[in-house]
């Protein structure tokens, strides 16, 4: 079916396409239960009372629509290493 040269050429072609993947695509993944517990602890300690989606994207955790004690909504980003808040962007 395929000879060794054809297989080698196809493999080389496939490997050459890998730089075309979006940056960080290999790091996007679901948040684990343990990570979620740590994220929730940080958010509650910082005064957030509720939030929507939490995901791990581009090496950090992203929390959508976190509601602060004063009722304002924020998109919050946490370090993928130590769970510290690295950004708190107000929702418009």
PDB file of N, CA and C in Angstrom:
ATOM      1  N   UNK A   1       0.835  -1.184   0.000  1.00  0.00           N
ATOM      2  CA  UNK A   1       0.000   0.000   0.000  1.00  0.00           C
ATOM      3  C   UNK A   1       0.887   1.258   0.000  1.00  0.00           C
ATOM      4  N   UNK A   2       1.473   1.596   1.147  1.00  0.00           N
ATOM      5  CA  UNK A   2       2.422   2.715   1.206  1.00  0.00           C
ATOM      6  C   UNK A   2       3.811   2.139   1.408  1.00  0.00           C
ATOM      7  N   UNK A   3       4.740   2.625   0.660  1.00  0.00           N
ATOM      8  CA  UNK A   3       6.107   2.176   0.904  1.00  0.00           C
ATOM      9  C   UNK A   3       6.736   3.065   1.975  1.00  0.00           C
ATOM     10  N   UNK A   4       7.904   2.704   2.422  1.00  0.00           N
ATOM     11  CA  UNK A   4       8.570   3.420   3.515  1.00  0.00           C
ATOM     12  C   UNK A   4       8.830   4.877   3.166  1.00  0.00           C
ATOM     13  N   UNK A   5       9.180   5.159   1.933  1.00  0.00           N
ATOM     14  CA  UNK A   5       9.456   6.533   1.516  1.00  0.00           C
ATOM     15  C   UNK A   5       8.192   7.387   1.580  1.00  0.00           C
ATOM     16  N   UNK A   6       7.073   6.837   1.139  1.00  0.00           N
ATOM     17  CA  UNK A   6       5.802   7.569   1.180  1.00  0.00           C
ATOM     18  C   UNK A   6       5.395   7.847   2.620  1.00  0.00           C
ATOM     19  N   UNK A   7       5.519   6.847   3.499  1.00  0.00           N
ATOM     20  CA  UNK A   7       5.172   7.041   4.913  1.00  0.00           C
ATOM     21  C   UNK A   7       6.052   8.116   5.537  1.00  0.00           C
ATOM     22  N   UNK A   8       7.323   8.088   5.244  1.00  0.00           N
ATOM     23  CA  UNK A   8       8.250   9.086   5.783  1.00  0.00           C
ATOM     24  C   UNK A   8       7.893  10.483   5.284  1.00  0.00           C
ATOM     25  N   UNK A   9       7.554  10.598   4.020  1.00  0.00           N
ATOM     26  CA  UNK A   9       7.176  11.898   3.455  1.00  0.00           C
ATOM     27  C   UNK A   9       5.895  12.416   4.099  1.00  0.00           C
ATOM     28  N   UNK A  10       4.911  11.544   4.306  1.00  0.00           N
ATOM     29  CA  UNK A  10       3.657  11.959   4.943  1.00  0.00           C
ATOM     30  C   UNK A  10       3.892  12.395   6.386  1.00  0.00           C
ATOM     31  N   UNK A  11       4.722  11.657   7.101  1.00  0.00           N
ATOM     32  CA  UNK A  11       5.033  12.021   8.478  1.00  0.00           C
ATOM     33  C   UNK A  11       5.747  13.372   8.538  1.00  0.00           C
ATOM     34  N   UNK A  12       6.692  13.590   7.666  1.00  0.00           N
ATOM     35  CA  UNK A  12       7.408  14.870   7.626  1.00  0.00           C
ATOM     36  C   UNK A  12       6.454  16.021   7.317  1.00  0.00           C
ATOM     37  N   UNK A  13       5.518  15.789   6.404  1.00  0.00           N
ATOM     38  CA  UNK A  13       4.535  16.818   6.065  1.00  0.00           C
ATOM     39  C   UNK A  13       3.655  17.138   7.272  1.00  0.00           C
ATOM     40  N   UNK A  14       3.178  16.114   7.969  1.00  0.00           N
ATOM     41  CA  UNK A  14       2.321  16.323   9.141  1.00  0.00           C
ATOM     42  C   UNK A  14       3.057  17.101  10.224  1.00  0.00           C
ATOM     43  N   UNK A  15       4.301  16.757  10.462  1.00  0.00           N
ATOM     44  CA  UNK A  15       5.094  17.468  11.469  1.00  0.00           C
ATOM     45  C   UNK A  15       5.314  18.917  11.053  1.00  0.00           C
ATOM     46  N   UNK A  16       5.482  19.164   9.778  1.00  0.00           N
ATOM     47  CA  UNK A  16       5.714  20.535   9.312  1.00  0.00           C
ATOM     48  C   UNK A  16       4.496  21.423   9.510  1.00  0.00           C
ATOM     49  N   UNK A  17       3.307  20.834   9.611  1.00  0.00           N
ATOM     50  CA  UNK A  17       2.088  21.619   9.815  1.00  0.00           C
ATOM     51  C   UNK A  17       1.885  22.022  11.270  1.00  0.00           C
ATOM     52  N   UNK A  18       2.543  21.381  12.222  1.00  0.00           N
ATOM     53  CA  UNK A  18       2.301  21.651  13.634  1.00  0.00           C
ATOM     54  C   UNK A  18       2.521  23.110  14.037  1.00  0.00           C
ATOM     55  N   UNK A  19       3.474  23.868  13.467  1.00  0.00           N
ATOM     56  CA  UNK A  19       3.590  25.286  13.844  1.00  0.00           C
ATOM     57  C   UNK A  19       2.374  26.117  13.435  1.00  0.00           C
ATOM     58  N   UNK A  20       1.528  25.595  12.580  1.00  0.00           N
ATOM     59  CA  UNK A  20       0.353  26.344  12.142  1.00  0.00           C
ATOM     60  C   UNK A  20      -0.796  26.253  13.138  1.00  0.00           C
ATOM     61  N   UNK A  21      -0.663  25.409  14.156  1.00  0.00           N
ATOM     62  CA  UNK A  21      -1.694  25.323  15.178  1.00  0.00           C
ATOM     63  C   UNK A  21      -1.722  26.629  15.959  1.00  0.00           C
ATOM     64  N   UNK A  22      -2.897  27.017  16.478  1.00  0.00           N
ATOM     65  CA  UNK A  22      -2.963  28.245  17.270  1.00  0.00           C
ATOM     66  C   UNK A  22      -2.044  28.153  18.487  1.00  0.00           C
ATOM     67  N   UNK A  23      -1.449  29.265  18.842  1.00  0.00           N
ATOM     68  CA  UNK A  23      -0.567  29.297  20.006  1.00  0.00           C
ATOM     69  C   UNK A  23      -1.342  28.899  21.250  1.00  0.00           C
ATOM     70  N   UNK A  24      -0.769  28.014  22.032  1.00  0.00           N
ATOM     71  CA  UNK A  24      -1.417  27.598  23.265  1.00  0.00           C
ATOM     72  C   UNK A  24      -2.476  26.544  23.095  1.00  0.00           C
ATOM     73  N   UNK A  25      -2.733  26.082  21.882  1.00  0.00           N
ATOM     74  CA  UNK A  25      -3.793  25.099  21.669  1.00  0.00           C
ATOM     75  C   UNK A  25      -3.538  23.841  22.476  1.00  0.00           C
ATOM     76  N   UNK A  26      -2.270  23.505  22.658  1.00  0.00           N
ATOM     77  CA  UNK A  26      -1.963  22.295  23.394  1.00  0.00           C
ATOM     78  C   UNK A  26      -2.172  22.464  24.894  1.00  0.00           C
ATOM     79  N   UNK A  27      -2.365  23.677  25.394  1.00  0.00           N
ATOM     80  CA  UNK A  27      -2.526  23.898  26.825  1.00  0.00           C
ATOM     81  C   UNK A  27      -3.976  24.051  27.246  1.00  0.00           C
ATOM     82  N   UNK A  28      -4.891  24.232  26.313  1.00  0.00           N
ATOM     83  CA  UNK A  28      -6.300  24.370  26.664  1.00  0.00           C
ATOM     84  C   UNK A  28      -6.813  23.017  27.134  1.00  0.00           C
ATOM     85  N   UNK A  29      -7.474  23.013  28.293  1.00  0.00           N
ATOM     86  CA  UNK A  29      -7.992  21.762  28.836  1.00  0.00           C
ATOM     87  C   UNK A  29      -9.047  22.066  29.881  1.00  0.00           C
ATOM     88  N   UNK A  30      -9.834  21.059  30.243  1.00  0.00           N
ATOM     89  CA  UNK A  30     -10.818  21.277  31.305  1.00  0.00           C
ATOM     90  C   UNK A  30     -10.122  21.509  32.653  1.00  0.00           C
ATOM     91  N   UNK A  31     -10.799  22.193  33.541  1.00  0.00           N
ATOM     92  CA  UNK A  31     -10.296  22.428  34.894  1.00  0.00           C
ATOM     93  C   UNK A  31     -10.591  21.180  35.727  1.00  0.00           C
ATOM     94  N   UNK A  32      -9.610  20.718  36.495  1.00  0.00           N
ATOM     95  CA  UNK A  32      -9.823  19.544  37.344  1.00  0.00           C
ATOM     96  C   UNK A  32     -10.618  19.936  38.590  1.00  0.00           C
ATOM     97  N   UNK A  33     -11.132  18.933  39.284  1.00  0.00           N
ATOM     98  CA  UNK A  33     -11.904  19.184  40.507  1.00  0.00           C
ATOM     99  C   UNK A  33     -11.036  19.863  41.567  1.00  0.00           C
ATOM    100  N   UNK A  34      -9.797  19.432  41.715  1.00  0.00           N
ATOM    101  CA  UNK A  34      -8.897  20.040  42.701  1.00  0.00           C
ATOM    102  C   UNK A  34      -8.582  21.491  42.333  1.00  0.00           C
ATOM    103  N   UNK A  35      -8.345  21.757  41.066  1.00  0.00           N
ATOM    104  CA  UNK A  35      -8.103  23.134  40.625  1.00  0.00           C
ATOM    105  C   UNK A  35      -9.328  24.001  40.896  1.00  0.00           C
ATOM    106  N   UNK A  36     -10.512  23.463  40.645  1.00  0.00           N
ATOM    107  CA  UNK A  36     -11.745  24.224  40.873  1.00  0.00           C
ATOM    108  C   UNK A  36     -11.886  24.573  42.353  1.00  0.00           C
ATOM    109  N   UNK A  37     -11.548  23.644  43.239  1.00  0.00           N
ATOM    110  CA  UNK A  37     -11.617  23.938  44.680  1.00  0.00           C
ATOM    111  C   UNK A  37     -10.679  25.089  45.042  1.00  0.00           C
ATOM    112  N   UNK A  38      -9.483  25.074  44.493  1.00  0.00           N
ATOM    113  CA  UNK A  38      -8.522  26.144  44.793  1.00  0.00           C
ATOM    114  C   UNK A  38      -8.978  27.480  44.208  1.00  0.00           C
ATOM    115  N   UNK A  39      -9.505  27.451  43.003  1.00  0.00           N
ATOM    116  CA  UNK A  39     -10.001  28.676  42.361  1.00  0.00           C
ATOM    117  C   UNK A  39     -11.160  29.256  43.161  1.00  0.00           C
ATOM    118  N   UNK A  40     -12.100  28.405  43.562  1.00  0.00           N
ATOM    119  CA  UNK A  40     -13.246  28.871  44.351  1.00  0.00           C
ATOM    120  C   UNK A  40     -12.792  29.485  45.670  1.00  0.00           C
ATOM    121  N   UNK A  41     -11.804  28.879  46.319  1.00  0.00           N
ATOM    122  CA  UNK A  41     -11.295  29.420  47.586  1.00  0.00           C
ATOM    123  C   UNK A  41     -10.712  30.819  47.380  1.00  0.00           C
ATOM    124  N   UNK A  42      -9.941  31.002  46.320  1.00  0.00           N
ATOM    125  CA  UNK A  42      -9.351  32.319  46.025  1.00  0.00           C
ATOM    126  C   UNK A  42     -10.451  33.332  45.728  1.00  0.00           C
ATOM    127  N   UNK A  43     -11.409  32.956  44.889  1.00  0.00           N
ATOM    128  CA  UNK A  43     -12.482  33.888  44.529  1.00  0.00           C
ATOM    129  C   UNK A  43     -13.284  34.308  45.755  1.00  0.00           C
ATOM    130  N   UNK A  44     -13.638  33.357  46.607  1.00  0.00           N
ATOM    131  CA  UNK A  44     -14.409  33.691  47.819  1.00  0.00           C
ATOM    132  C   UNK A  44     -13.585  34.577  48.763  1.00  0.00           C
ATOM    133  N   UNK A  45     -12.303  34.266  48.912  1.00  0.00           N
ATOM    134  CA  UNK A  45     -11.431  35.075  49.770  1.00  0.00           C
ATOM    135  C   UNK A  45     -11.339  36.512  49.259  1.00  0.00           C
ATOM    136  N   UNK A  46     -11.416  36.695  47.943  1.00  0.00           N
ATOM    137  CA  UNK A  46     -11.352  38.026  47.333  1.00  0.00           C
ATOM    138  C   UNK A  46     -12.716  38.712  47.276  1.00  0.00           C
ATOM    139  N   UNK A  47     -13.753  38.075  47.822  1.00  0.00           N
ATOM    140  CA  UNK A  47     -15.062  38.708  47.916  1.00  0.00           C
ATOM    141  C   UNK A  47     -16.032  38.405  46.789  1.00  0.00           C
ATOM    142  N   UNK A  48     -15.687  37.503  45.893  1.00  0.00           N
ATOM    143  CA  UNK A  48     -16.615  37.133  44.823  1.00  0.00           C
ATOM    144  C   UNK A  48     -17.640  36.148  45.366  1.00  0.00           C
ATOM    145  N   UNK A  49     -18.878  36.316  44.947  1.00  0.00           N
ATOM    146  CA  UNK A  49     -19.960  35.497  45.480  1.00  0.00           C
ATOM    147  C   UNK A  49     -20.482  34.457  44.499  1.00  0.00           C
ATOM    148  N   UNK A  50     -20.323  34.708  43.217  1.00  0.00           N
ATOM    149  CA  UNK A  50     -20.741  33.745  42.200  1.00  0.00           C
ATOM    150  C   UNK A  50     -19.984  34.014  40.911  1.00  0.00           C
ATOM    151  N   UNK A  51     -20.001  33.042  40.020  1.00  0.00           N
ATOM    152  CA  UNK A  51     -19.294  33.155  38.742  1.00  0.00           C
ATOM    153  C   UNK A  51     -19.875  32.141  37.789  1.00  0.00           C
ATOM    154  N   UNK A  52     -19.515  32.305  36.531  1.00  0.00           N
ATOM    155  CA  UNK A  52     -20.012  31.394  35.498  1.00  0.00           C
ATOM    156  C   UNK A  52     -18.904  30.435  35.098  1.00  0.00           C
ATOM    157  N   UNK A  53     -18.565  30.417  33.852  1.00  0.00           N
ATOM    158  CA  UNK A  53     -17.626  29.440  33.310  1.00  0.00           C
ATOM    159  C   UNK A  53     -16.200  29.672  33.805  1.00  0.00           C
ATOM    160  N   UNK A  54     -15.525  28.559  34.131  1.00  0.00           N
ATOM    161  CA  UNK A  54     -14.108  28.586  34.497  1.00  0.00           C
ATOM    162  C   UNK A  54     -13.390  27.654  33.532  1.00  0.00           C
ATOM    163  N   UNK A  55     -12.296  28.150  32.937  1.00  0.00           N
ATOM    164  CA  UNK A  55     -11.540  27.312  32.005  1.00  0.00           C
ATOM    165  C   UNK A  55     -10.054  27.598  32.121  1.00  0.00           C
ATOM    166  N   UNK A  56      -9.259  26.629  31.670  1.00  0.00           N
ATOM    167  CA  UNK A  56      -7.811  26.794  31.608  1.00  0.00           C
ATOM    168  C   UNK A  56      -7.471  27.077  30.164  1.00  0.00           C
ATOM    169  N   UNK A  57      -6.894  28.253  29.912  1.00  0.00           N
ATOM    170  CA  UNK A  57      -6.633  28.675  28.541  1.00  0.00           C
ATOM    171  C   UNK A  57      -5.321  29.456  28.500  1.00  0.00           C
ATOM    172  N   UNK A  58      -4.459  29.103  27.588  1.00  0.00           N
ATOM    173  CA  UNK A  58      -3.181  29.806  27.404  1.00  0.00           C
ATOM    174  C   UNK A  58      -2.364  29.898  28.689  1.00  0.00           C
ATOM    175  N   UNK A  59      -2.363  28.829  29.462  1.00  0.00           N
ATOM    176  CA  UNK A  59      -1.513  28.767  30.643  1.00  0.00           C
ATOM    177  C   UNK A  59      -2.055  29.428  31.890  1.00  0.00           C
ATOM    178  N   UNK A  60      -3.307  29.859  31.861  1.00  0.00           N
ATOM    179  CA  UNK A  60      -3.897  30.461  33.064  1.00  0.00           C
ATOM    180  C   UNK A  60      -5.375  30.098  33.149  1.00  0.00           C
ATOM    181  N   UNK A  61      -5.950  30.333  34.318  1.00  0.00           N
ATOM    182  CA  UNK A  61      -7.366  30.063  34.531  1.00  0.00           C
ATOM    183  C   UNK A  61      -8.156  31.333  34.242  1.00  0.00           C
ATOM    184  N   UNK A  62      -9.277  31.185  33.551  1.00  0.00           N
ATOM    185  CA  UNK A  62     -10.125  32.324  33.216  1.00  0.00           C
ATOM    186  C   UNK A  62     -11.521  32.079  33.774  1.00  0.00           C
ATOM    187  N   UNK A  63     -12.018  33.069  34.511  1.00  0.00           N
ATOM    188  CA  UNK A  63     -13.331  32.987  35.145  1.00  0.00           C
ATOM    189  C   UNK A  63     -14.213  34.060  34.522  1.00  0.00           C
ATOM    190  N   UNK A  64     -15.343  33.641  33.965  1.00  0.00           N
ATOM    191  CA  UNK A  64     -16.265  34.584  33.331  1.00  0.00           C
ATOM    192  C   UNK A  64     -17.326  35.060  34.313  1.00  0.00           C
ATOM    193  N   UNK A  65     -17.618  36.347  34.262  1.00  0.00           N
ATOM    194  CA  UNK A  65     -18.727  36.954  35.001  1.00  0.00           C
ATOM    195  C   UNK A  65     -18.705  36.671  36.500  1.00  0.00           C
ATOM    196  N   UNK A  66     -17.557  36.887  37.128  1.00  0.00           N
ATOM    197  CA  UNK A  66     -17.465  36.747  38.581  1.00  0.00           C
ATOM    198  C   UNK A  66     -18.122  37.971  39.216  1.00  0.00           C
ATOM    199  N   UNK A  67     -19.029  37.738  40.165  1.00  0.00           N
ATOM    200  CA  UNK A  67     -19.774  38.822  40.808  1.00  0.00           C
ATOM    201  C   UNK A  67     -19.111  39.162  42.143  1.00  0.00           C
ATOM    202  N   UNK A  68     -18.686  40.424  42.276  1.00  0.00           N
ATOM    203  CA  UNK A  68     -18.050  40.896  43.508  1.00  0.00           C
ATOM    204  C   UNK A  68     -19.117  41.212  44.551  1.00  0.00           C
ATOM    205  N   UNK A  69     -18.673  41.443  45.777  1.00  0.00           N
ATOM    206  CA  UNK A  69     -19.591  41.745  46.876  1.00  0.00           C
ATOM    207  C   UNK A  69     -20.450  42.969  46.587  1.00  0.00           C
ATOM    208  N   UNK A  70     -19.930  43.922  45.805  1.00  0.00           N
ATOM    209  CA  UNK A  70     -20.695  45.131  45.485  1.00  0.00           C
ATOM    210  C   UNK A  70     -21.630  44.935  44.290  1.00  0.00           C
ATOM    211  N   UNK A  71     -21.685  43.723  43.750  1.00  0.00           N
ATOM    212  CA  UNK A  71     -22.588  43.425  42.640  1.00  0.00           C
ATOM    213  C   UNK A  71     -21.991  43.620  41.256  1.00  0.00           C
ATOM    214  N   UNK A  72     -20.805  44.208  41.174  1.00  0.00           N
ATOM    215  CA  UNK A  72     -20.173  44.401  39.859  1.00  0.00           C
ATOM    216  C   UNK A  72     -19.637  43.077  39.333  1.00  0.00           C
ATOM    217  N   UNK A  73     -19.653  42.948  38.008  1.00  0.00           N
ATOM    218  CA  UNK A  73     -19.177  41.721  37.352  1.00  0.00           C
ATOM    219  C   UNK A  73     -17.792  41.944  36.752  1.00  0.00           C
ATOM    220  N   UNK A  74     -16.975  40.906  36.855  1.00  0.00           N
ATOM    221  CA  UNK A  74     -15.609  40.950  36.342  1.00  0.00           C
ATOM    222  C   UNK A  74     -15.283  39.655  35.604  1.00  0.00           C
ATOM    223  N   UNK A  75     -14.377  39.755  34.650  1.00  0.00           N
ATOM    224  CA  UNK A  75     -13.705  38.581  34.113  1.00  0.00           C
ATOM    225  C   UNK A  75     -12.389  38.521  34.869  1.00  0.00           C
ATOM    226  N   UNK A  76     -12.135  37.397  35.508  1.00  0.00           N
ATOM    227  CA  UNK A  76     -10.967  37.257  36.374  1.00  0.00           C
ATOM    228  C   UNK A  76     -10.015  36.231  35.772  1.00  0.00           C
ATOM    229  N   UNK A  77      -8.737  36.540  35.809  1.00  0.00           N
ATOM    230  CA  UNK A  77      -7.707  35.609  35.342  1.00  0.00           C
ATOM    231  C   UNK A  77      -6.797  35.274  36.516  1.00  0.00           C
ATOM    232  N   UNK A  78      -6.517  33.984  36.663  1.00  0.00           N
ATOM    233  CA  UNK A  78      -5.652  33.512  37.737  1.00  0.00           C
ATOM    234  C   UNK A  78      -4.431  32.816  37.151  1.00  0.00           C
ATOM    235  N   UNK A  79      -3.330  32.918  37.862  1.00  0.00           N
ATOM    236  CA  UNK A  79      -2.097  32.250  37.451  1.00  0.00           C
ATOM    237  C   UNK A  79      -2.322  30.745  37.350  1.00  0.00           C
ATOM    238  N   UNK A  80      -1.789  30.147  36.300  1.00  0.00           N
ATOM    239  CA  UNK A  80      -1.865  28.702  36.141  1.00  0.00           C
ATOM    240  C   UNK A  80      -0.881  27.972  37.032  1.00  0.00           C
ATOM    241  N   UNK A  81      -0.044  28.716  37.745  1.00  0.00           N
ATOM    242  CA  UNK A  81       0.971  28.115  38.610  1.00  0.00           C
ATOM    243  C   UNK A  81       0.547  28.146  40.073  1.00  0.00           C
ATOM    244  N   UNK A  82       0.181  29.338  40.580  1.00  0.00           N
ATOM    245  CA  UNK A  82      -0.095  29.452  42.016  1.00  0.00           C
ATOM    246  C   UNK A  82      -1.492  29.996  42.343  1.00  0.00           C
ATOM    247  N   UNK A  83      -2.351  30.117  41.341  1.00  0.00           N
ATOM    248  CA  UNK A  83      -3.754  30.513  41.512  1.00  0.00           C
ATOM    249  C   UNK A  83      -3.940  31.944  42.017  1.00  0.00           C
ATOM    250  N   UNK A  84      -2.921  32.783  41.944  1.00  0.00           N
ATOM    251  CA  UNK A  84      -3.111  34.180  42.328  1.00  0.00           C
ATOM    252  C   UNK A  84      -3.853  34.908  41.212  1.00  0.00           C
ATOM    253  N   UNK A  85      -4.629  35.917  41.579  1.00  0.00           N
ATOM    254  CA  UNK A  85      -5.350  36.707  40.586  1.00  0.00           C
ATOM    255  C   UNK A  85      -4.346  37.617  39.883  1.00  0.00           C
ATOM    256  N   UNK A  86      -4.303  37.516  38.556  1.00  0.00           N
ATOM    257  CA  UNK A  86      -3.364  38.324  37.771  1.00  0.00           C
ATOM    258  C   UNK A  86      -4.076  39.410  36.967  1.00  0.00           C
ATOM    259  N   UNK A  87      -5.399  39.303  36.832  1.00  0.00           N
ATOM    260  CA  UNK A  87      -6.174  40.333  36.124  1.00  0.00           C
ATOM    261  C   UNK A  87      -7.615  40.274  36.597  1.00  0.00           C
ATOM    262  N   UNK A  88      -8.215  41.464  36.664  1.00  0.00           N
ATOM    263  CA  UNK A  88      -9.607  41.611  37.094  1.00  0.00           C
ATOM    264  C   UNK A  88     -10.215  42.684  36.198  1.00  0.00           C
ATOM    265  N   UNK A  89     -10.880  42.257  35.132  1.00  0.00           N
ATOM    266  CA  UNK A  89     -11.405  43.190  34.140  1.00  0.00           C
ATOM    267  C   UNK A  89     -12.906  43.389  34.327  1.00  0.00           C
ATOM    268  N   UNK A  90     -13.347  44.640  34.575  1.00  0.00           N
ATOM    269  CA  UNK A  90     -14.782  44.899  34.745  1.00  0.00           C
ATOM    270  C   UNK A  90     -15.556  44.582  33.465  1.00  0.00           C
ATOM    271  N   UNK A  91     -16.732  44.012  33.642  1.00  0.00           N
ATOM    272  CA  UNK A  91     -17.630  43.774  32.511  1.00  0.00           C
ATOM    273  C   UNK A  91     -18.326  45.085  32.180  1.00  0.00           C
ATOM    274  N   UNK A  92     -18.562  45.320  30.919  1.00  0.00           N
ATOM    275  CA  UNK A  92     -19.255  46.549  30.498  1.00  0.00           C
ATOM    276  C   UNK A  92     -20.744  46.432  30.680  1.00  0.00           C
TER     277      UNK A  92
END
